[in-house]
Amino acid sequence: MGKHYHTIPILCYCRSLTCVSLILFAIHLLTACDTQRQVSEEPTLTVTLEPLRYFAEAIAGDKFKVISMVPKGSSPETYDPTPQQLVGLDKSIAYLRIGHIGFEQAWMNKLITHAPHLKVFDTSEGIDFIHETAHDHGDHHHEGGIEPHVWNSARNASVITANIYAALCELDSPNEAYYQHRRDSMLEVIAQTDCKVRKMLQQADSTFLIYHPALSYFARDYGLKQICIEEGGKEPSPAHLKELIETCKRDNARVIFVQQEFDTRNARLIADELGIAVVPINPLSYEWQTEMINVAKALAK
């Protein structure tokens, strides 16, 4: 009986010790998981639109999470951010702007005021801008007089890529070699895209119509003439439509590009009058390379 009397407390003590050990182990495991989760969460970058997210993600890889302010299907000329987006902006460490698009003209100062911790980088720095005149784009003008659709150009895409690389190196200098490797890969993709487009355009139409002048830099890169259907940023008047039809006949234009953000009725009226093709494009697509090649395919004879 004596041995049995002393065994019970010892067993209870061992069991208590085991429970404590298990609890401590569980706490350690949860803490380790939480720490690992914090370490694995990438810092966030915010960009203005989807094509810029394409370039930023290509260079940032798994080091940053990249989100767009202007979502798919929305116009960066007129878009207003949601309250949820403004709250989410607080989680970003930097903002990469495309340059001079309408959204940035209207909202950039407000975004910086809302999130003063943000570092802002202009990815259009160093681009040879098209400065609009009274004769450009059927009197369609953008604030500041700069044509803002800079990303629809292989030449400009190389500049944008270099600017993103410089921004990431400033934000995360220990991983500079990682970003350099990915920048070089992106520059190779851009060069290959440019080569394919030039080859397709060797026997292409030199003039095309478009509702909103999103391909100004594309046209400049490849020696093409872009005719804009918009008049002063609005629906064209009957007189302007008549003038466009005469210009198309004179210049042998056979393609009208339309974008999902804009009404296509007038484009289809012109197409029916002239018997030419209406081609949907998406210059705001994340798939930058695909869109560049699709435009060239439509113009190739």
C-alpha atoms as a PDB file:
ATOM      1  CA  MET A   1       0.000   0.000   0.000  1.00  0.00           C
ATOM      2  CA  GLY A   2       2.905   2.342   0.729  1.00  0.00           C
ATOM      3  CA  LYS A   3       4.256   2.108  -2.766  1.00  0.00           C
ATOM      4  CA  HIS A   4       0.822   2.573  -4.256  1.00  0.00           C
ATOM      5  CA  TYR A   5       0.184   5.652  -2.080  1.00  0.00           C
ATOM      6  CA  HIS A   6       3.321   7.382  -3.366  1.00  0.00           C
ATOM      7  CA  THR A   7       2.786   6.445  -7.044  1.00  0.00           C
ATOM      8  CA  ILE A   8      -0.424   8.449  -7.560  1.00  0.00           C
ATOM      9  CA  PRO A   9       1.076  11.922  -6.858  1.00  0.00           C
ATOM     10  CA  ILE A  10       4.095  11.102  -8.999  1.00  0.00           C
ATOM     11  CA  LEU A  11       1.885  10.094 -11.943  1.00  0.00           C
ATOM     12  CA  CYS A  12      -0.268  13.208 -11.490  1.00  0.00           C
ATOM     13  CA  TYR A  13       2.831  15.369 -11.389  1.00  0.00           C
ATOM     14  CA  CYS A  14       4.201  13.780 -14.573  1.00  0.00           C
ATOM     15  CA  ARG A  15       0.894  14.222 -16.313  1.00  0.00           C
ATOM     16  CA  SER A  16       0.780  17.891 -15.229  1.00  0.00           C
ATOM     17  CA  LEU A  17       4.312  18.392 -16.480  1.00  0.00           C
ATOM     18  CA  THR A  18       3.401  16.793 -19.796  1.00  0.00           C
ATOM     19  CA  CYS A  19       0.345  19.067 -20.164  1.00  0.00           C
ATOM     20  CA  VAL A  20       2.415  22.155 -19.439  1.00  0.00           C
ATOM     21  CA  SER A  21       5.022  21.050 -21.935  1.00  0.00           C
ATOM     22  CA  LEU A  22       2.371  20.475 -24.572  1.00  0.00           C
ATOM     23  CA  ILE A  23       0.834  23.892 -23.937  1.00  0.00           C
ATOM     24  CA  LEU A  24       4.229  25.595 -24.144  1.00  0.00           C
ATOM     25  CA  PHE A  25       5.017  23.680 -27.332  1.00  0.00           C
ATOM     26  CA  ALA A  26       1.682  24.712 -28.854  1.00  0.00           C
ATOM     27  CA  ILE A  27       2.292  28.373 -27.976  1.00  0.00           C
ATOM     28  CA  HIS A  28       5.753  28.169 -29.491  1.00  0.00           C
ATOM     29  CA  LEU A  29       4.361  26.568 -32.637  1.00  0.00           C
ATOM     30  CA  LEU A  30       1.636  29.204 -33.037  1.00  0.00           C
ATOM     31  CA  THR A  31       4.127  31.996 -32.453  1.00  0.00           C
ATOM     32  CA  ALA A  32       6.496  30.513 -34.990  1.00  0.00           C
ATOM     33  CA  CYS A  33       3.691  30.179 -37.544  1.00  0.00           C
ATOM     34  CA  ASP A  34       2.596  33.760 -36.941  1.00  0.00           C
ATOM     35  CA  THR A  35       6.165  34.995 -37.309  1.00  0.00           C
ATOM     36  CA  GLN A  36       6.588  32.952 -40.475  1.00  0.00           C
ATOM     37  CA  ARG A  37       3.327  34.396 -41.829  1.00  0.00           C
ATOM     38  CA  GLN A  38       4.541  37.937 -41.150  1.00  0.00           C
ATOM     39  CA  VAL A  39       7.883  37.244 -42.806  1.00  0.00           C
ATOM     40  CA  SER A  40       6.230  35.614 -45.855  1.00  0.00           C
ATOM     41  CA  GLU A  41       3.783  38.455 -46.472  1.00  0.00           C
ATOM     42  CA  GLU A  42       5.159  40.594 -49.288  1.00  0.00           C
ATOM     43  CA  PRO A  43       5.122  44.371 -48.935  1.00  0.00           C
ATOM     44  CA  THR A  44       2.550  46.002 -51.213  1.00  0.00           C
ATOM     45  CA  LEU A  45       3.001  48.342 -54.161  1.00  0.00           C
ATOM     46  CA  THR A  46       0.106  50.241 -55.708  1.00  0.00           C
ATOM     47  CA  VAL A  47       0.057  51.174 -59.394  1.00  0.00           C
ATOM     48  CA  THR A  48      -2.453  53.146 -61.440  1.00  0.00           C
ATOM     49  CA  LEU A  49      -3.543  50.644 -64.069  1.00  0.00           C
ATOM     50  CA  GLU A  50      -3.291  47.048 -65.234  1.00  0.00           C
ATOM     51  CA  PRO A  51      -0.566  47.380 -67.904  1.00  0.00           C
ATOM     52  CA  LEU A  52       1.673  48.982 -65.269  1.00  0.00           C
ATOM     53  CA  ARG A  53       0.892  46.104 -62.908  1.00  0.00           C
ATOM     54  CA  TYR A  54       2.108  43.750 -65.645  1.00  0.00           C
ATOM     55  CA  PHE A  55       5.507  45.431 -65.800  1.00  0.00           C
ATOM     56  CA  ALA A  56       5.779  45.863 -62.025  1.00  0.00           C
ATOM     57  CA  GLU A  57       4.971  42.218 -61.289  1.00  0.00           C
ATOM     58  CA  ALA A  58       7.392  41.052 -63.962  1.00  0.00           C
ATOM     59  CA  ILE A  59      10.259  42.816 -62.196  1.00  0.00           C
ATOM     60  CA  ALA A  60       9.141  42.531 -58.553  1.00  0.00           C
ATOM     61  CA  GLY A  61       8.564  38.780 -58.732  1.00  0.00           C
ATOM     62  CA  ASP A  62       7.700  37.378 -55.302  1.00  0.00           C
ATOM     63  CA  LYS A  63       9.225  40.281 -53.376  1.00  0.00           C
ATOM     64  CA  PHE A  64       6.188  42.585 -53.624  1.00  0.00           C
ATOM     65  CA  LYS A  65       2.446  42.284 -54.007  1.00  0.00           C
ATOM     66  CA  VAL A  66       1.202  44.690 -56.706  1.00  0.00           C
ATOM     67  CA  ILE A  67      -2.350  46.069 -56.890  1.00  0.00           C
ATOM     68  CA  SER A  68      -4.023  48.435 -59.395  1.00  0.00           C
ATOM     69  CA  MET A  69      -6.138  51.440 -58.477  1.00  0.00           C
ATOM     70  CA  VAL A  70      -8.077  51.444 -61.771  1.00  0.00           C
ATOM     71  CA  PRO A  71      -9.705  48.005 -62.095  1.00  0.00           C
ATOM     72  CA  LYS A  72     -10.316  46.028 -65.255  1.00  0.00           C
ATOM     73  CA  GLY A  73     -13.076  47.507 -67.400  1.00  0.00           C
ATOM     74  CA  SER A  74     -12.829  51.041 -65.948  1.00  0.00           C
ATOM     75  CA  SER A  75     -11.520  54.144 -67.688  1.00  0.00           C
ATOM     76  CA  PRO A  76      -8.390  55.714 -66.136  1.00  0.00           C
ATOM     77  CA  GLU A  77      -9.581  59.026 -67.520  1.00  0.00           C
ATOM     78  CA  THR A  78     -12.614  59.241 -65.228  1.00  0.00           C
ATOM     79  CA  TYR A  79     -12.319  56.571 -62.520  1.00  0.00           C
ATOM     80  CA  ASP A  80     -12.819  57.478 -58.835  1.00  0.00           C
ATOM     81  CA  PRO A  81     -11.358  55.129 -56.186  1.00  0.00           C
ATOM     82  CA  THR A  82     -13.650  53.373 -53.738  1.00  0.00           C
ATOM     83  CA  PRO A  83     -13.445  53.902 -49.950  1.00  0.00           C
ATOM     84  CA  GLN A  84     -12.115  50.342 -49.667  1.00  0.00           C
ATOM     85  CA  GLN A  85      -9.281  51.179 -52.064  1.00  0.00           C
ATOM     86  CA  LEU A  86      -8.350  54.244 -50.034  1.00  0.00           C
ATOM     87  CA  VAL A  87      -8.231  52.111 -46.880  1.00  0.00           C
ATOM     88  CA  GLY A  88      -6.126  49.507 -48.696  1.00  0.00           C
ATOM     89  CA  LEU A  89      -3.716  52.196 -49.862  1.00  0.00           C
ATOM     90  CA  ASP A  90      -2.500  52.546 -46.267  1.00  0.00           C
ATOM     91  CA  LYS A  91      -0.943  49.073 -46.586  1.00  0.00           C
ATOM     92  CA  SER A  92       1.219  50.057 -49.563  1.00  0.00           C
ATOM     93  CA  ILE A  93       4.753  51.299 -49.095  1.00  0.00           C
ATOM     94  CA  ALA A  94       4.983  52.966 -52.509  1.00  0.00           C
ATOM     95  CA  TYR A  95       2.906  54.159 -55.464  1.00  0.00           C
ATOM     96  CA  LEU A  96       4.062  53.757 -59.064  1.00  0.00           C
ATOM     97  CA  ARG A  97       2.276  56.234 -61.314  1.00  0.00           C
ATOM     98  CA  ILE A  98       2.072  55.871 -65.080  1.00  0.00           C
ATOM     99  CA  GLY A  99       2.621  59.591 -65.624  1.00  0.00           C
ATOM    100  CA  HIS A 100      -0.178  61.894 -66.763  1.00  0.00           C
ATOM    101  CA  ILE A 101      -3.386  59.893 -67.092  1.00  0.00           C
ATOM    102  CA  GLY A 102      -6.672  61.529 -65.985  1.00  0.00           C
ATOM    103  CA  PHE A 103      -6.984  59.470 -62.796  1.00  0.00           C
ATOM    104  CA  GLU A 104      -3.605  60.692 -61.581  1.00  0.00           C
ATOM    105  CA  GLN A 105      -4.283  64.288 -62.544  1.00  0.00           C
ATOM    106  CA  ALA A 106      -7.456  64.252 -60.444  1.00  0.00           C
ATOM    107  CA  TRP A 107      -6.419  62.032 -57.548  1.00  0.00           C
ATOM    108  CA  MET A 108      -2.647  61.935 -57.019  1.00  0.00           C
ATOM    109  CA  ASN A 109      -2.462  64.822 -54.537  1.00  0.00           C
ATOM    110  CA  LYS A 110      -5.468  63.454 -52.640  1.00  0.00           C
ATOM    111  CA  LEU A 111      -3.907  59.984 -52.444  1.00  0.00           C
ATOM    112  CA  ILE A 112      -0.644  61.391 -51.090  1.00  0.00           C
ATOM    113  CA  THR A 113      -2.543  63.449 -48.516  1.00  0.00           C
ATOM    114  CA  HIS A 114      -4.508  60.368 -47.484  1.00  0.00           C
ATOM    115  CA  ALA A 115      -1.375  58.209 -47.217  1.00  0.00           C
ATOM    116  CA  PRO A 116       1.587  60.548 -46.558  1.00  0.00           C
ATOM    117  CA  HIS A 117       3.924  57.612 -45.883  1.00  0.00           C
ATOM    118  CA  LEU A 118       3.796  56.584 -49.574  1.00  0.00           C
ATOM    119  CA  LYS A 119       6.879  56.926 -51.703  1.00  0.00           C
ATOM    120  CA  VAL A 120       5.741  57.973 -55.184  1.00  0.00           C
ATOM    121  CA  PHE A 121       7.682  57.044 -58.325  1.00  0.00           C
ATOM    122  CA  ASP A 122       6.874  58.356 -61.818  1.00  0.00           C
ATOM    123  CA  THR A 123       7.493  55.500 -64.248  1.00  0.00           C
ATOM    124  CA  SER A 124       7.148  57.830 -67.256  1.00  0.00           C
ATOM    125  CA  GLU A 125      10.262  59.806 -66.340  1.00  0.00           C
ATOM    126  CA  GLY A 126      12.557  60.012 -69.366  1.00  0.00           C
ATOM    127  CA  ILE A 127       9.872  59.268 -71.975  1.00  0.00           C
ATOM    128  CA  ASP A 128       9.769  61.476 -75.065  1.00  0.00           C
ATOM    129  CA  PHE A 129       6.205  62.737 -74.658  1.00  0.00           C
ATOM    130  CA  ILE A 130       3.804  63.659 -77.416  1.00  0.00           C
ATOM    131  CA  HIS A 131       2.705  67.222 -76.684  1.00  0.00           C
ATOM    132  CA  GLU A 132      -0.787  67.842 -77.976  1.00  0.00           C
ATOM    133  CA  THR A 133      -1.625  70.765 -80.213  1.00  0.00           C
ATOM    134  CA  ALA A 134      -4.933  72.221 -81.379  1.00  0.00           C
ATOM    135  CA  HIS A 135      -4.752  69.955 -84.430  1.00  0.00           C
ATOM    136  CA  ASP A 136      -4.178  66.680 -82.580  1.00  0.00           C
ATOM    137  CA  HIS A 137      -6.759  63.930 -82.065  1.00  0.00           C
ATOM    138  CA  GLY A 138      -9.722  65.856 -83.406  1.00  0.00           C
ATOM    139  CA  ASP A 139      -9.281  68.534 -80.746  1.00  0.00           C
ATOM    140  CA  HIS A 140      -9.144  65.905 -77.997  1.00  0.00           C
ATOM    141  CA  HIS A 141      -6.933  67.234 -75.229  1.00  0.00           C
ATOM    142  CA  HIS A 142      -5.674  65.900 -71.929  1.00  0.00           C
ATOM    143  CA  GLU A 143      -4.883  67.984 -68.882  1.00  0.00           C
ATOM    144  CA  GLY A 144      -1.320  69.257 -69.071  1.00  0.00           C
ATOM    145  CA  GLY A 145      -1.227  68.917 -72.865  1.00  0.00           C
ATOM    146  CA  ILE A 146       0.613  65.564 -72.750  1.00  0.00           C
ATOM    147  CA  GLU A 147      -0.701  62.456 -74.508  1.00  0.00           C
ATOM    148  CA  PRO A 148      -0.866  60.071 -71.520  1.00  0.00           C
ATOM    149  CA  HIS A 149      -1.154  56.574 -73.047  1.00  0.00           C
ATOM    150  CA  VAL A 150       2.593  56.030 -72.840  1.00  0.00           C
ATOM    151  CA  TRP A 151       2.526  52.279 -72.147  1.00  0.00           C
ATOM    152  CA  ASN A 152       1.246  51.367 -75.647  1.00  0.00           C
ATOM    153  CA  SER A 153       4.746  51.566 -77.063  1.00  0.00           C
ATOM    154  CA  ALA A 154       7.680  49.170 -76.965  1.00  0.00           C
ATOM    155  CA  ARG A 155      10.121  52.065 -76.755  1.00  0.00           C
ATOM    156  CA  ASN A 156       8.278  53.565 -73.810  1.00  0.00           C
ATOM    157  CA  ALA A 157       7.837  50.153 -72.167  1.00  0.00           C
ATOM    158  CA  SER A 158      11.632  49.873 -71.940  1.00  0.00           C
ATOM    159  CA  VAL A 159      11.782  53.231 -70.138  1.00  0.00           C
ATOM    160  CA  ILE A 160       8.956  52.217 -67.794  1.00  0.00           C
ATOM    161  CA  THR A 161      10.761  48.950 -67.024  1.00  0.00           C
ATOM    162  CA  ALA A 162      13.989  50.777 -66.195  1.00  0.00           C
ATOM    163  CA  ASN A 163      12.125  53.177 -63.900  1.00  0.00           C
ATOM    164  CA  ILE A 164      10.394  50.340 -62.053  1.00  0.00           C
ATOM    165  CA  TYR A 165      13.731  48.602 -61.576  1.00  0.00           C
ATOM    166  CA  ALA A 166      15.249  51.775 -60.112  1.00  0.00           C
ATOM    167  CA  ALA A 167      12.274  52.200 -57.764  1.00  0.00           C
ATOM    168  CA  LEU A 168      12.484  48.619 -56.496  1.00  0.00           C
ATOM    169  CA  CYS A 169      16.219  48.908 -55.923  1.00  0.00           C
ATOM    170  CA  GLU A 170      15.596  52.026 -53.839  1.00  0.00           C
ATOM    171  CA  LEU A 171      12.881  50.302 -51.834  1.00  0.00           C
ATOM    172  CA  ASP A 172      14.704  46.998 -51.414  1.00  0.00           C
ATOM    173  CA  SER A 173      18.413  47.402 -52.186  1.00  0.00           C
ATOM    174  CA  PRO A 174      19.511  43.975 -50.795  1.00  0.00           C
ATOM    175  CA  ASN A 175      17.620  42.288 -53.667  1.00  0.00           C
ATOM    176  CA  GLU A 176      19.052  44.494 -56.432  1.00  0.00           C
ATOM    177  CA  ALA A 177      20.601  41.536 -58.284  1.00  0.00           C
ATOM    178  CA  TYR A 178      17.225  39.748 -58.250  1.00  0.00           C
ATOM    179  CA  TYR A 179      15.490  42.782 -59.770  1.00  0.00           C
ATOM    180  CA  GLN A 180      18.244  43.278 -62.309  1.00  0.00           C
ATOM    181  CA  HIS A 181      17.836  39.738 -63.597  1.00  0.00           C
ATOM    182  CA  ARG A 182      14.083  40.144 -63.919  1.00  0.00           C
ATOM    183  CA  ARG A 183      14.466  43.592 -65.545  1.00  0.00           C
ATOM    184  CA  ASP A 184      16.758  42.098 -68.181  1.00  0.00           C
ATOM    185  CA  SER A 185      14.223  39.343 -68.875  1.00  0.00           C
ATOM    186  CA  MET A 186      11.445  41.931 -69.259  1.00  0.00           C
ATOM    187  CA  LEU A 187      13.551  44.023 -71.632  1.00  0.00           C
ATOM    188  CA  GLU A 188      14.078  40.911 -73.745  1.00  0.00           C
ATOM    189  CA  VAL A 189      10.299  40.321 -73.906  1.00  0.00           C
ATOM    190  CA  ILE A 190       9.791  43.941 -74.978  1.00  0.00           C
ATOM    191  CA  ALA A 191      12.481  43.660 -77.672  1.00  0.00           C
ATOM    192  CA  GLN A 192      10.957  40.444 -79.029  1.00  0.00           C
ATOM    193  CA  THR A 193       7.501  42.044 -79.084  1.00  0.00           C
ATOM    194  CA  ASP A 194       8.828  45.079 -80.934  1.00  0.00           C
ATOM    195  CA  CYS A 195      10.531  42.813 -83.488  1.00  0.00           C
ATOM    196  CA  LYS A 196       7.306  40.843 -84.111  1.00  0.00           C
ATOM    197  CA  VAL A 197       5.239  44.009 -84.472  1.00  0.00           C
ATOM    198  CA  ARG A 198       7.693  45.596 -86.926  1.00  0.00           C
ATOM    199  CA  LYS A 199       7.729  42.445 -89.022  1.00  0.00           C
ATOM    200  CA  MET A 200       3.913  42.314 -89.178  1.00  0.00           C
ATOM    201  CA  LEU A 201       3.658  45.997 -90.053  1.00  0.00           C
ATOM    202  CA  GLN A 202       6.014  45.815 -93.044  1.00  0.00           C
ATOM    203  CA  GLN A 203       3.006  45.386 -95.354  1.00  0.00           C
ATOM    204  CA  ALA A 204       0.401  47.044 -93.114  1.00  0.00           C
ATOM    205  CA  ASP A 205      -2.064  49.891 -93.458  1.00  0.00           C
ATOM    206  CA  SER A 206      -0.471  53.215 -92.630  1.00  0.00           C
ATOM    207  CA  THR A 207      -3.726  54.814 -91.356  1.00  0.00           C
ATOM    208  CA  PHE A 208      -6.280  53.609 -88.839  1.00  0.00           C
ATOM    209  CA  LEU A 209      -9.247  55.011 -86.938  1.00  0.00           C
ATOM    210  CA  ILE A 210      -9.797  54.681 -83.216  1.00  0.00           C
ATOM    211  CA  TYR A 211     -12.549  55.992 -80.980  1.00  0.00           C
ATOM    212  CA  HIS A 212     -10.279  57.223 -78.163  1.00  0.00           C
ATOM    213  CA  PRO A 213      -6.641  58.071 -79.071  1.00  0.00           C
ATOM    214  CA  ALA A 214      -4.930  55.374 -77.001  1.00  0.00           C
ATOM    215  CA  LEU A 215      -2.431  54.331 -79.690  1.00  0.00           C
ATOM    216  CA  SER A 216      -0.653  57.644 -80.283  1.00  0.00           C
ATOM    217  CA  TYR A 217       2.756  56.330 -79.194  1.00  0.00           C
ATOM    218  CA  PHE A 218       2.229  53.055 -81.039  1.00  0.00           C
ATOM    219  CA  ALA A 219       1.529  55.080 -84.190  1.00  0.00           C
ATOM    220  CA  ARG A 220       4.619  57.228 -83.660  1.00  0.00           C
ATOM    221  CA  ASP A 221       6.881  54.226 -83.070  1.00  0.00           C
ATOM    222  CA  TYR A 222       5.870  52.546 -86.309  1.00  0.00           C
ATOM    223  CA  GLY A 223       5.217  55.511 -88.607  1.00  0.00           C
ATOM    224  CA  LEU A 224       1.425  55.173 -88.670  1.00  0.00           C
ATOM    225  CA  LYS A 225      -1.389  57.741 -88.764  1.00  0.00           C
ATOM    226  CA  GLN A 226      -4.027  57.586 -86.025  1.00  0.00           C
ATOM    227  CA  ILE A 227      -7.390  59.275 -86.649  1.00  0.00           C
ATOM    228  CA  CYS A 228      -9.555  59.847 -83.585  1.00  0.00           C
ATOM    229  CA  ILE A 229     -13.352  59.568 -83.746  1.00  0.00           C
ATOM    230  CA  GLU A 230     -13.892  61.487 -80.511  1.00  0.00           C
ATOM    231  CA  GLU A 231     -14.332  65.218 -80.890  1.00  0.00           C
ATOM    232  CA  GLY A 232     -13.150  67.239 -77.915  1.00  0.00           C
ATOM    233  CA  GLY A 233     -13.471  64.142 -75.746  1.00  0.00           C
ATOM    234  CA  LYS A 234     -17.152  63.799 -76.690  1.00  0.00           C
ATOM    235  CA  GLU A 235     -19.341  62.100 -79.271  1.00  0.00           C
ATOM    236  CA  PRO A 236     -18.516  63.366 -82.781  1.00  0.00           C
ATOM    237  CA  SER A 237     -20.835  65.805 -84.528  1.00  0.00           C
ATOM    238  CA  PRO A 238     -22.397  64.916 -87.926  1.00  0.00           C
ATOM    239  CA  ALA A 239     -19.951  67.301 -89.607  1.00  0.00           C
ATOM    240  CA  HIS A 240     -17.001  65.595 -87.911  1.00  0.00           C
ATOM    241  CA  LEU A 241     -18.297  62.164 -88.910  1.00  0.00           C
ATOM    242  CA  LYS A 242     -18.559  63.285 -92.539  1.00  0.00           C
ATOM    243  CA  GLU A 243     -14.988  64.610 -92.387  1.00  0.00           C
ATOM    244  CA  LEU A 244     -13.756  61.319 -90.906  1.00  0.00           C
ATOM    245  CA  ILE A 245     -15.399  59.318 -93.679  1.00  0.00           C
ATOM    246  CA  GLU A 246     -13.770  61.489 -96.335  1.00  0.00           C
ATOM    247  CA  THR A 247     -10.371  61.151 -94.627  1.00  0.00           C
ATOM    248  CA  CYS A 248     -10.727  57.360 -94.468  1.00  0.00           C
ATOM    249  CA  LYS A 249     -11.523  57.194 -98.169  1.00  0.00           C
ATOM    250  CA  ARG A 250      -8.544  59.398 -99.030  1.00  0.00           C
ATOM    251  CA  ASP A 251      -6.069  57.534 -96.810  1.00  0.00           C
ATOM    252  CA  ASN A 252      -7.420  54.027 -97.492  1.00  0.00           C
ATOM    253  CA  ALA A 253      -8.037  53.248 -93.834  1.00  0.00           C
ATOM    254  CA  ARG A 254      -9.673  49.846 -93.421  1.00  0.00           C
ATOM    255  CA  VAL A 255      -9.634  49.307 -89.641  1.00  0.00           C
ATOM    256  CA  ILE A 256     -11.488  51.042 -86.819  1.00  0.00           C
ATOM    257  CA  PHE A 257     -10.330  50.144 -83.316  1.00  0.00           C
ATOM    258  CA  VAL A 258     -12.923  50.297 -80.529  1.00  0.00           C
ATOM    259  CA  GLN A 259     -12.450  49.988 -76.764  1.00  0.00           C
ATOM    260  CA  GLN A 260     -14.884  48.531 -74.264  1.00  0.00           C
ATOM    261  CA  GLU A 261     -14.897  51.713 -72.143  1.00  0.00           C
ATOM    262  CA  PHE A 262     -16.512  53.751 -74.940  1.00  0.00           C
ATOM    263  CA  ASP A 263     -19.701  53.756 -77.015  1.00  0.00           C
ATOM    264  CA  THR A 264     -19.086  52.054 -80.365  1.00  0.00           C
ATOM    265  CA  ARG A 265     -22.176  53.205 -82.284  1.00  0.00           C
ATOM    266  CA  ASN A 266     -20.447  55.935 -84.286  1.00  0.00           C
ATOM    267  CA  ALA A 267     -17.523  53.671 -85.082  1.00  0.00           C
ATOM    268  CA  ARG A 268     -19.953  51.111 -86.485  1.00  0.00           C
ATOM    269  CA  LEU A 269     -21.770  53.797 -88.499  1.00  0.00           C
ATOM    270  CA  ILE A 270     -18.469  54.721 -90.169  1.00  0.00           C
ATOM    271  CA  ALA A 271     -17.599  51.064 -90.703  1.00  0.00           C
ATOM    272  CA  ASP A 272     -20.963  50.378 -92.355  1.00  0.00           C
ATOM    273  CA  GLU A 273     -20.577  53.431 -94.588  1.00  0.00           C
ATOM    274  CA  LEU A 274     -17.107  52.431 -95.764  1.00  0.00           C
ATOM    275  CA  GLY A 275     -17.364  48.640 -95.547  1.00  0.00           C
ATOM    276  CA  ILE A 276     -14.344  48.371 -93.234  1.00  0.00           C
ATOM    277  CA  ALA A 277     -13.606  46.293 -90.130  1.00  0.00           C
ATOM    278  CA  VAL A 278     -14.419  47.176 -86.529  1.00  0.00           C
ATOM    279  CA  VAL A 279     -11.745  45.594 -84.316  1.00  0.00           C
ATOM    280  CA  PRO A 280     -12.153  45.457 -80.513  1.00  0.00           C
ATOM    281  CA  ILE A 281      -8.934  46.116 -78.588  1.00  0.00           C
ATOM    282  CA  ASN A 282      -8.114  46.602 -74.929  1.00  0.00           C
ATOM    283  CA  PRO A 283      -5.169  48.990 -74.461  1.00  0.00           C
ATOM    284  CA  LEU A 284      -5.799  48.755 -70.691  1.00  0.00           C
ATOM    285  CA  SER A 285      -5.273  44.997 -70.593  1.00  0.00           C
ATOM    286  CA  TYR A 286      -2.804  43.357 -68.220  1.00  0.00           C
ATOM    287  CA  GLU A 287      -1.695  41.271 -71.228  1.00  0.00           C
ATOM    288  CA  TRP A 288       0.477  44.025 -72.705  1.00  0.00           C
ATOM    289  CA  GLN A 289       2.402  41.857 -75.150  1.00  0.00           C
ATOM    290  CA  THR A 290      -0.744  40.176 -76.503  1.00  0.00           C
ATOM    291  CA  GLU A 291      -2.474  43.515 -77.086  1.00  0.00           C
ATOM    292  CA  MET A 292       0.501  45.005 -78.927  1.00  0.00           C
ATOM    293  CA  ILE A 293       0.606  42.032 -81.282  1.00  0.00           C
ATOM    294  CA  ASN A 294      -3.184  42.013 -81.769  1.00  0.00           C
ATOM    295  CA  VAL A 295      -3.106  45.638 -82.947  1.00  0.00           C
ATOM    296  CA  ALA A 296      -0.334  44.831 -85.429  1.00  0.00           C
ATOM    297  CA  LYS A 297      -2.216  41.765 -86.707  1.00  0.00           C
ATOM    298  CA  ALA A 298      -5.321  43.847 -87.375  1.00  0.00           C
ATOM    299  CA  LEU A 299      -3.322  46.355 -89.420  1.00  0.00           C
ATOM    300  CA  ALA A 300      -1.275  43.802 -91.367  1.00  0.00           C
ATOM    301  CA  LYS A 301      -2.513  43.264 -94.897  1.00  0.00           C
END
